[in-house]
């Protein structure tokens, strides 16, 4: 099962966990499983059917936009990182 790494801003919605192992063969499936375990997370991640514009999702070191988007395949040892944009100056 892949592991989703939870950023600190979303940890209160994920039982204060920094990572969660989920079932899923795609990024979309893994994020759906995460929301199934911790309802309400999807509202923070998605704008309709797309990832919110201030978030980036990585499988390992690769941005999912380079892997096929939300339909990018994941396997048992993969780490899926949710990375919020950092703004300021």
PDB file of N, CA and C in Angstrom:
ATOM      1  N   UNK A   1       0.840  -1.183   0.000  1.00  0.00           N
ATOM      2  CA  UNK A   1       0.000   0.000   0.000  1.00  0.00           C
ATOM      3  C   UNK A   1       0.883   1.244   0.000  1.00  0.00           C
ATOM      4  N   UNK A   2       0.556   2.219  -0.831  1.00  0.00           N
ATOM      5  CA  UNK A   2       1.340   3.455  -0.841  1.00  0.00           C
ATOM      6  C   UNK A   2       1.139   4.247   0.456  1.00  0.00           C
ATOM      7  N   UNK A   3       2.067   5.115   0.731  1.00  0.00           N
ATOM      8  CA  UNK A   3       2.018   5.986   1.903  1.00  0.00           C
ATOM      9  C   UNK A   3       1.833   7.422   1.428  1.00  0.00           C
ATOM     10  N   UNK A   4       0.887   8.126   2.044  1.00  0.00           N
ATOM     11  CA  UNK A   4       0.690   9.541   1.741  1.00  0.00           C
ATOM     12  C   UNK A   4       1.319  10.343   2.875  1.00  0.00           C
ATOM     13  N   UNK A   5       2.213  11.257   2.508  1.00  0.00           N
ATOM     14  CA  UNK A   5       2.851  12.140   3.470  1.00  0.00           C
ATOM     15  C   UNK A   5       1.977  13.379   3.618  1.00  0.00           C
ATOM     16  N   UNK A   6       1.554  13.651   4.850  1.00  0.00           N
ATOM     17  CA  UNK A   6       0.590  14.716   5.128  1.00  0.00           C
ATOM     18  C   UNK A   6       1.333  15.972   5.573  1.00  0.00           C
ATOM     19  N   UNK A   7       1.101  17.123   4.911  1.00  0.00           N
ATOM     20  CA  UNK A   7       1.751  18.362   5.361  1.00  0.00           C
ATOM     21  C   UNK A   7       1.160  18.815   6.697  1.00  0.00           C
ATOM     22  N   UNK A   8       1.935  19.566   7.444  1.00  0.00           N
ATOM     23  CA  UNK A   8       1.525  19.957   8.796  1.00  0.00           C
ATOM     24  C   UNK A   8       0.189  20.686   8.823  1.00  0.00           C
ATOM     25  N   UNK A   9      -0.119  21.470   7.811  1.00  0.00           N
ATOM     26  CA  UNK A   9      -1.386  22.220   7.800  1.00  0.00           C
ATOM     27  C   UNK A   9      -2.604  21.301   7.725  1.00  0.00           C
ATOM     28  N   UNK A  10      -2.440  20.097   7.181  1.00  0.00           N
ATOM     29  CA  UNK A  10      -3.567  19.164   7.047  1.00  0.00           C
ATOM     30  C   UNK A  10      -3.593  18.083   8.119  1.00  0.00           C
ATOM     31  N   UNK A  11      -2.569  18.012   8.928  1.00  0.00           N
ATOM     32  CA  UNK A  11      -2.499  16.950   9.939  1.00  0.00           C
ATOM     33  C   UNK A  11      -3.663  16.940  10.920  1.00  0.00           C
ATOM     34  N   UNK A  12      -4.193  18.091  11.341  1.00  0.00           N
ATOM     35  CA  UNK A  12      -5.351  18.030  12.245  1.00  0.00           C
ATOM     36  C   UNK A  12      -6.545  17.284  11.635  1.00  0.00           C
ATOM     37  N   UNK A  13      -6.651  17.300  10.307  1.00  0.00           N
ATOM     38  CA  UNK A  13      -7.741  16.593   9.637  1.00  0.00           C
ATOM     39  C   UNK A  13      -7.437  15.114   9.445  1.00  0.00           C
ATOM     40  N   UNK A  14      -6.190  14.722   9.707  1.00  0.00           N
ATOM     41  CA  UNK A  14      -5.759  13.334   9.514  1.00  0.00           C
ATOM     42  C   UNK A  14      -5.329  12.717  10.841  1.00  0.00           C
ATOM     43  N   UNK A  15      -6.004  13.076  11.905  1.00  0.00           N
ATOM     44  CA  UNK A  15      -5.689  12.506  13.210  1.00  0.00           C
ATOM     45  C   UNK A  15      -4.291  12.862  13.687  1.00  0.00           C
ATOM     46  N   UNK A  16      -3.786  14.019  13.246  1.00  0.00           N
ATOM     47  CA  UNK A  16      -2.443  14.504  13.585  1.00  0.00           C
ATOM     48  C   UNK A  16      -1.329  13.563  13.127  1.00  0.00           C
ATOM     49  N   UNK A  17      -1.608  12.812  12.094  1.00  0.00           N
ATOM     50  CA  UNK A  17      -0.610  11.884  11.548  1.00  0.00           C
ATOM     51  C   UNK A  17       0.194  12.565  10.449  1.00  0.00           C
ATOM     52  N   UNK A  18       1.477  12.253  10.386  1.00  0.00           N
ATOM     53  CA  UNK A  18       2.340  12.817   9.345  1.00  0.00           C
ATOM     54  C   UNK A  18       2.350  11.949   8.088  1.00  0.00           C
ATOM     55  N   UNK A  19       1.930  10.696   8.228  1.00  0.00           N
ATOM     56  CA  UNK A  19       1.823   9.819   7.067  1.00  0.00           C
ATOM     57  C   UNK A  19       0.721   8.803   7.314  1.00  0.00           C
ATOM     58  N   UNK A  20       0.106   8.400   6.202  1.00  0.00           N
ATOM     59  CA  UNK A  20      -1.000   7.442   6.263  1.00  0.00           C
ATOM     60  C   UNK A  20      -0.821   6.446   5.125  1.00  0.00           C
ATOM     61  N   UNK A  21      -0.870   5.165   5.447  1.00  0.00           N
ATOM     62  CA  UNK A  21      -0.841   4.113   4.421  1.00  0.00           C
ATOM     63  C   UNK A  21      -2.267   3.879   3.939  1.00  0.00           C
ATOM     64  N   UNK A  22      -2.422   3.841   2.632  1.00  0.00           N
ATOM     65  CA  UNK A  22      -3.755   3.699   2.040  1.00  0.00           C
ATOM     66  C   UNK A  22      -3.722   2.680   0.908  1.00  0.00           C
ATOM     67  N   UNK A  23      -4.880   2.177   0.573  1.00  0.00           N
ATOM     68  CA  UNK A  23      -5.024   1.329  -0.607  1.00  0.00           C
ATOM     69  C   UNK A  23      -5.202   2.233  -1.814  1.00  0.00           C
ATOM     70  N   UNK A  24      -4.834   1.747  -2.963  1.00  0.00           N
ATOM     71  CA  UNK A  24      -5.051   2.496  -4.197  1.00  0.00           C
ATOM     72  C   UNK A  24      -3.998   2.157  -5.213  1.00  0.00           C
ATOM     73  N   UNK A  25      -4.400   2.077  -6.462  1.00  0.00           N
ATOM     74  CA  UNK A  25      -3.452   1.776  -7.530  1.00  0.00           C
ATOM     75  C   UNK A  25      -3.125   3.004  -8.371  1.00  0.00           C
ATOM     76  N   UNK A  26      -3.822   4.109  -8.091  1.00  0.00           N
ATOM     77  CA  UNK A  26      -3.532   5.390  -8.740  1.00  0.00           C
ATOM     78  C   UNK A  26      -3.491   6.465  -7.656  1.00  0.00           C
ATOM     79  N   UNK A  27      -2.971   7.618  -8.018  1.00  0.00           N
ATOM     80  CA  UNK A  27      -2.966   8.738  -7.067  1.00  0.00           C
ATOM     81  C   UNK A  27      -4.399   9.086  -6.688  1.00  0.00           C
ATOM     82  N   UNK A  28      -5.291   9.121  -7.656  1.00  0.00           N
ATOM     83  CA  UNK A  28      -6.700   9.437  -7.382  1.00  0.00           C
ATOM     84  C   UNK A  28      -7.293   8.438  -6.378  1.00  0.00           C
ATOM     85  N   UNK A  29      -7.037   7.151  -6.593  1.00  0.00           N
ATOM     86  CA  UNK A  29      -7.556   6.129  -5.696  1.00  0.00           C
ATOM     87  C   UNK A  29      -6.980   6.250  -4.295  1.00  0.00           C
ATOM     88  N   UNK A  30      -5.689   6.550  -4.202  1.00  0.00           N
ATOM     89  CA  UNK A  30      -5.048   6.706  -2.895  1.00  0.00           C
ATOM     90  C   UNK A  30      -5.619   7.912  -2.151  1.00  0.00           C
ATOM     91  N   UNK A  31      -5.830   9.024  -2.866  1.00  0.00           N
ATOM     92  CA  UNK A  31      -6.402  10.210  -2.212  1.00  0.00           C
ATOM     93  C   UNK A  31      -7.856   9.966  -1.808  1.00  0.00           C
ATOM     94  N   UNK A  32      -8.588   9.200  -2.602  1.00  0.00           N
ATOM     95  CA  UNK A  32      -9.967   8.840  -2.240  1.00  0.00           C
ATOM     96  C   UNK A  32      -9.972   7.975  -0.985  1.00  0.00           C
ATOM     97  N   UNK A  33      -9.019   7.049  -0.888  1.00  0.00           N
ATOM     98  CA  UNK A  33      -8.922   6.212   0.312  1.00  0.00           C
ATOM     99  C   UNK A  33      -8.553   7.052   1.529  1.00  0.00           C
ATOM    100  N   UNK A  34      -7.690   8.042   1.330  1.00  0.00           N
ATOM    101  CA  UNK A  34      -7.331   8.950   2.426  1.00  0.00           C
ATOM    102  C   UNK A  34      -8.561   9.695   2.918  1.00  0.00           C
ATOM    103  N   UNK A  35      -9.375  10.192   1.977  1.00  0.00           N
ATOM    104  CA  UNK A  35     -10.595  10.904   2.363  1.00  0.00           C
ATOM    105  C   UNK A  35     -11.603   9.949   3.004  1.00  0.00           C
ATOM    106  N   UNK A  36     -11.611   8.708   2.590  1.00  0.00           N
ATOM    107  CA  UNK A  36     -12.492   7.727   3.218  1.00  0.00           C
ATOM    108  C   UNK A  36     -12.119   7.485   4.666  1.00  0.00           C
ATOM    109  N   UNK A  37     -10.813   7.484   4.945  1.00  0.00           N
ATOM    110  CA  UNK A  37     -10.335   7.278   6.314  1.00  0.00           C
ATOM    111  C   UNK A  37     -10.471   8.538   7.153  1.00  0.00           C
ATOM    112  N   UNK A  38     -10.318   9.690   6.521  1.00  0.00           N
ATOM    113  CA  UNK A  38     -10.381  10.981   7.210  1.00  0.00           C
ATOM    114  C   UNK A  38     -11.277  11.924   6.400  1.00  0.00           C
ATOM    115  N   UNK A  39     -12.595  11.765   6.555  1.00  0.00           N
ATOM    116  CA  UNK A  39     -13.530  12.583   5.774  1.00  0.00           C
ATOM    117  C   UNK A  39     -13.267  14.081   5.958  1.00  0.00           C
ATOM    118  N   UNK A  40     -13.327  14.772   4.844  1.00  0.00           N
ATOM    119  CA  UNK A  40     -13.105  16.213   4.852  1.00  0.00           C
ATOM    120  C   UNK A  40     -11.789  16.603   4.222  1.00  0.00           C
ATOM    121  N   UNK A  41     -10.866  15.665   4.125  1.00  0.00           N
ATOM    122  CA  UNK A  41      -9.579  15.995   3.505  1.00  0.00           C
ATOM    123  C   UNK A  41      -9.724  16.321   2.030  1.00  0.00           C
ATOM    124  N   UNK A  42     -10.593  15.628   1.334  1.00  0.00           N
ATOM    125  CA  UNK A  42     -10.750  15.877  -0.100  1.00  0.00           C
ATOM    126  C   UNK A  42     -11.162  17.323  -0.369  1.00  0.00           C
ATOM    127  N   UNK A  43     -11.961  17.900   0.506  1.00  0.00           N
ATOM    128  CA  UNK A  43     -12.387  19.295   0.323  1.00  0.00           C
ATOM    129  C   UNK A  43     -11.201  20.251   0.387  1.00  0.00           C
ATOM    130  N   UNK A  44     -10.157  19.871   1.087  1.00  0.00           N
ATOM    131  CA  UNK A  44      -8.955  20.704   1.189  1.00  0.00           C
ATOM    132  C   UNK A  44      -7.992  20.468   0.028  1.00  0.00           C
ATOM    133  N   UNK A  45      -8.165  19.336  -0.666  1.00  0.00           N
ATOM    134  CA  UNK A  45      -7.248  18.971  -1.745  1.00  0.00           C
ATOM    135  C   UNK A  45      -7.772  19.274  -3.135  1.00  0.00           C
ATOM    136  N   UNK A  46      -9.089  19.161  -3.307  1.00  0.00           N
ATOM    137  CA  UNK A  46      -9.672  19.252  -4.644  1.00  0.00           C
ATOM    138  C   UNK A  46     -10.514  20.500  -4.839  1.00  0.00           C
ATOM    139  N   UNK A  47     -10.440  21.012  -6.063  1.00  0.00           N
ATOM    140  CA  UNK A  47     -11.318  22.077  -6.542  1.00  0.00           C
ATOM    141  C   UNK A  47     -12.109  21.428  -7.674  1.00  0.00           C
ATOM    142  N   UNK A  48     -13.284  20.906  -7.326  1.00  0.00           N
ATOM    143  CA  UNK A  48     -14.022  20.093  -8.294  1.00  0.00           C
ATOM    144  C   UNK A  48     -13.331  18.757  -8.424  1.00  0.00           C
ATOM    145  N   UNK A  49     -12.880  18.437  -9.649  1.00  0.00           N
ATOM    146  CA  UNK A  49     -12.192  17.160  -9.886  1.00  0.00           C
ATOM    147  C   UNK A  49     -10.687  17.331 -10.026  1.00  0.00           C
ATOM    148  N   UNK A  50     -10.197  18.552  -9.857  1.00  0.00           N
ATOM    149  CA  UNK A  50      -8.767  18.831 -10.013  1.00  0.00           C
ATOM    150  C   UNK A  50      -8.157  19.195  -8.657  1.00  0.00           C
ATOM    151  N   UNK A  51      -6.859  18.967  -8.546  1.00  0.00           N
ATOM    152  CA  UNK A  51      -6.139  19.370  -7.343  1.00  0.00           C
ATOM    153  C   UNK A  51      -6.142  20.895  -7.283  1.00  0.00           C
ATOM    154  N   UNK A  52      -6.319  21.431  -6.081  1.00  0.00           N
ATOM    155  CA  UNK A  52      -6.321  22.892  -5.924  1.00  0.00           C
ATOM    156  C   UNK A  52      -5.011  23.462  -6.461  1.00  0.00           C
ATOM    157  N   UNK A  53      -5.076  24.670  -7.043  1.00  0.00           N
ATOM    158  CA  UNK A  53      -3.907  25.212  -7.739  1.00  0.00           C
ATOM    159  C   UNK A  53      -2.701  25.494  -6.842  1.00  0.00           C
ATOM    160  N   UNK A  54      -2.887  25.633  -5.551  1.00  0.00           N
ATOM    161  CA  UNK A  54      -1.759  25.925  -4.656  1.00  0.00           C
ATOM    162  C   UNK A  54      -1.145  24.658  -4.062  1.00  0.00           C
ATOM    163  N   UNK A  55      -1.561  23.489  -4.546  1.00  0.00           N
ATOM    164  CA  UNK A  55      -1.001  22.222  -4.090  1.00  0.00           C
ATOM    165  C   UNK A  55      -0.274  21.515  -5.227  1.00  0.00           C
ATOM    166  N   UNK A  56       0.787  20.821  -4.886  1.00  0.00           N
ATOM    167  CA  UNK A  56       1.481  19.953  -5.826  1.00  0.00           C
ATOM    168  C   UNK A  56       1.487  18.568  -5.206  1.00  0.00           C
ATOM    169  N   UNK A  57       1.327  17.557  -6.037  1.00  0.00           N
ATOM    170  CA  UNK A  57       1.345  16.177  -5.576  1.00  0.00           C
ATOM    171  C   UNK A  57       2.517  15.482  -6.272  1.00  0.00           C
ATOM    172  N   UNK A  58       3.317  14.773  -5.484  1.00  0.00           N
ATOM    173  CA  UNK A  58       4.465  14.052  -6.005  1.00  0.00           C
ATOM    174  C   UNK A  58       4.351  12.570  -5.657  1.00  0.00           C
ATOM    175  N   UNK A  59       4.807  11.734  -6.564  1.00  0.00           N
ATOM    176  CA  UNK A  59       5.015  10.318  -6.285  1.00  0.00           C
ATOM    177  C   UNK A  59       6.526  10.158  -6.299  1.00  0.00           C
ATOM    178  N   UNK A  60       7.081   9.891  -5.137  1.00  0.00           N
ATOM    179  CA  UNK A  60       8.536   9.917  -5.018  1.00  0.00           C
ATOM    180  C   UNK A  60       9.014  11.328  -5.295  1.00  0.00           C
ATOM    181  N   UNK A  61       9.947  11.473  -6.211  1.00  0.00           N
ATOM    182  CA  UNK A  61      10.486  12.791  -6.561  1.00  0.00           C
ATOM    183  C   UNK A  61       9.808  13.403  -7.780  1.00  0.00           C
ATOM    184  N   UNK A  62       8.797  12.720  -8.329  1.00  0.00           N
ATOM    185  CA  UNK A  62       8.186  13.158  -9.582  1.00  0.00           C
ATOM    186  C   UNK A  62       6.825  13.799  -9.368  1.00  0.00           C
ATOM    187  N   UNK A  63       6.656  14.987  -9.940  1.00  0.00           N
ATOM    188  CA  UNK A  63       5.364  15.673  -9.926  1.00  0.00           C
ATOM    189  C   UNK A  63       4.381  14.856 -10.750  1.00  0.00           C
ATOM    190  N   UNK A  64       3.172  14.695 -10.244  1.00  0.00           N
ATOM    191  CA  UNK A  64       2.202  13.859 -10.973  1.00  0.00           C
ATOM    192  C   UNK A  64       1.833  14.440 -12.330  1.00  0.00           C
ATOM    193  N   UNK A  65       2.062  15.740 -12.539  1.00  0.00           N
ATOM    194  CA  UNK A  65       1.772  16.295 -13.867  1.00  0.00           C
ATOM    195  C   UNK A  65       2.665  15.662 -14.923  1.00  0.00           C
ATOM    196  N   UNK A  66       3.826  15.145 -14.518  1.00  0.00           N
ATOM    197  CA  UNK A  66       4.736  14.472 -15.443  1.00  0.00           C
ATOM    198  C   UNK A  66       4.460  12.973 -15.539  1.00  0.00           C
ATOM    199  N   UNK A  67       3.547  12.470 -14.709  1.00  0.00           N
ATOM    200  CA  UNK A  67       3.293  11.030 -14.633  1.00  0.00           C
ATOM    201  C   UNK A  67       1.910  10.619 -15.116  1.00  0.00           C
ATOM    202  N   UNK A  68       1.113  11.585 -15.552  1.00  0.00           N
ATOM    203  CA  UNK A  68      -0.245  11.265 -15.984  1.00  0.00           C
ATOM    204  C   UNK A  68      -1.310  11.851 -15.090  1.00  0.00           C
ATOM    205  N   UNK A  69      -0.939  12.778 -14.223  1.00  0.00           N
ATOM    206  CA  UNK A  69      -1.919  13.442 -13.362  1.00  0.00           C
ATOM    207  C   UNK A  69      -2.445  12.518 -12.279  1.00  0.00           C
ATOM    208  N   UNK A  70      -3.690  12.708 -11.925  1.00  0.00           N
ATOM    209  CA  UNK A  70      -4.309  11.926 -10.857  1.00  0.00           C
ATOM    210  C   UNK A  70      -4.410  10.447 -11.192  1.00  0.00           C
ATOM    211  N   UNK A  71      -4.315  10.108 -12.464  1.00  0.00           N
ATOM    212  CA  UNK A  71      -4.383   8.710 -12.863  1.00  0.00           C
ATOM    213  C   UNK A  71      -3.007   8.041 -12.897  1.00  0.00           C
ATOM    214  N   UNK A  72      -1.996   8.737 -12.389  1.00  0.00           N
ATOM    215  CA  UNK A  72      -0.654   8.156 -12.315  1.00  0.00           C
ATOM    216  C   UNK A  72      -0.693   6.912 -11.430  1.00  0.00           C
ATOM    217  N   UNK A  73      -0.079   5.837 -11.878  1.00  0.00           N
ATOM    218  CA  UNK A  73      -0.094   4.605 -11.076  1.00  0.00           C
ATOM    219  C   UNK A  73       0.803   4.719  -9.844  1.00  0.00           C
ATOM    220  N   UNK A  74       0.399   4.042  -8.788  1.00  0.00           N
ATOM    221  CA  UNK A  74       1.214   3.934  -7.575  1.00  0.00           C
ATOM    222  C   UNK A  74       1.256   2.469  -7.154  1.00  0.00           C
ATOM    223  N   UNK A  75       2.318   2.120  -6.459  1.00  0.00           N
ATOM    224  CA  UNK A  75       2.456   0.746  -5.980  1.00  0.00           C
ATOM    225  C   UNK A  75       2.739   0.760  -4.486  1.00  0.00           C
ATOM    226  N   UNK A  76       2.947  -0.408  -3.938  1.00  0.00           N
ATOM    227  CA  UNK A  76       3.047  -0.598  -2.505  1.00  0.00           C
ATOM    228  C   UNK A  76       4.083   0.217  -1.775  1.00  0.00           C
ATOM    229  N   UNK A  77       5.237   0.462  -2.383  1.00  0.00           N
ATOM    230  CA  UNK A  77       6.301   1.182  -1.686  1.00  0.00           C
ATOM    231  C   UNK A  77       6.344   2.670  -2.017  1.00  0.00           C
ATOM    232  N   UNK A  78       5.448   3.151  -2.841  1.00  0.00           N
ATOM    233  CA  UNK A  78       5.481   4.549  -3.249  1.00  0.00           C
ATOM    234  C   UNK A  78       5.073   5.486  -2.117  1.00  0.00           C
ATOM    235  N   UNK A  79       5.727   6.656  -2.100  1.00  0.00           N
ATOM    236  CA  UNK A  79       5.331   7.736  -1.198  1.00  0.00           C
ATOM    237  C   UNK A  79       4.697   8.836  -2.033  1.00  0.00           C
ATOM    238  N   UNK A  80       3.516   9.235  -1.618  1.00  0.00           N
ATOM    239  CA  UNK A  80       2.792  10.322  -2.278  1.00  0.00           C
ATOM    240  C   UNK A  80       2.878  11.523  -1.351  1.00  0.00           C
ATOM    241  N   UNK A  81       3.471  12.593  -1.837  1.00  0.00           N
ATOM    242  CA  UNK A  81       3.644  13.809  -1.026  1.00  0.00           C
ATOM    243  C   UNK A  81       2.662  14.868  -1.465  1.00  0.00           C
ATOM    244  N   UNK A  82       2.015  15.492  -0.504  1.00  0.00           N
ATOM    245  CA  UNK A  82       1.150  16.642  -0.748  1.00  0.00           C
ATOM    246  C   UNK A  82       1.958  17.862  -0.326  1.00  0.00           C
ATOM    247  N   UNK A  83       2.261  18.727  -1.282  1.00  0.00           N
ATOM    248  CA  UNK A  83       3.123  19.876  -1.019  1.00  0.00           C
ATOM    249  C   UNK A  83       2.339  21.173  -1.256  1.00  0.00           C
ATOM    250  N   UNK A  84       2.069  21.931  -0.186  1.00  0.00           N
ATOM    251  CA  UNK A  84       1.401  23.217  -0.378  1.00  0.00           C
ATOM    252  C   UNK A  84       2.415  24.257  -0.870  1.00  0.00           C
ATOM    253  N   UNK A  85       1.940  25.192  -1.681  1.00  0.00           N
ATOM    254  CA  UNK A  85       2.799  26.271  -2.164  1.00  0.00           C
ATOM    255  C   UNK A  85       3.184  27.175  -1.000  1.00  0.00           C
ATOM    256  N   UNK A  86       4.368  27.734  -1.110  1.00  0.00           N
ATOM    257  CA  UNK A  86       4.830  28.674  -0.095  1.00  0.00           C
ATOM    258  C   UNK A  86       4.872  30.044  -0.761  1.00  0.00           C
ATOM    259  N   UNK A  87       4.247  30.999  -0.107  1.00  0.00           N
ATOM    260  CA  UNK A  87       4.191  32.349  -0.665  1.00  0.00           C
ATOM    261  C   UNK A  87       4.760  33.328   0.358  1.00  0.00           C
ATOM    262  N   UNK A  88       5.073  34.459  -0.116  1.00  0.00           N
ATOM    263  CA  UNK A  88       5.587  35.494   0.778  1.00  0.00           C
ATOM    264  C   UNK A  88       6.871  36.074   0.226  1.00  0.00           C
ATOM    265  N   UNK A  89       7.490  36.877   1.013  1.00  0.00           N
ATOM    266  CA  UNK A  89       8.711  37.467   0.508  1.00  0.00           C
ATOM    267  C   UNK A  89       9.582  37.999   1.577  1.00  0.00           C
TER     268      UNK A  89
END
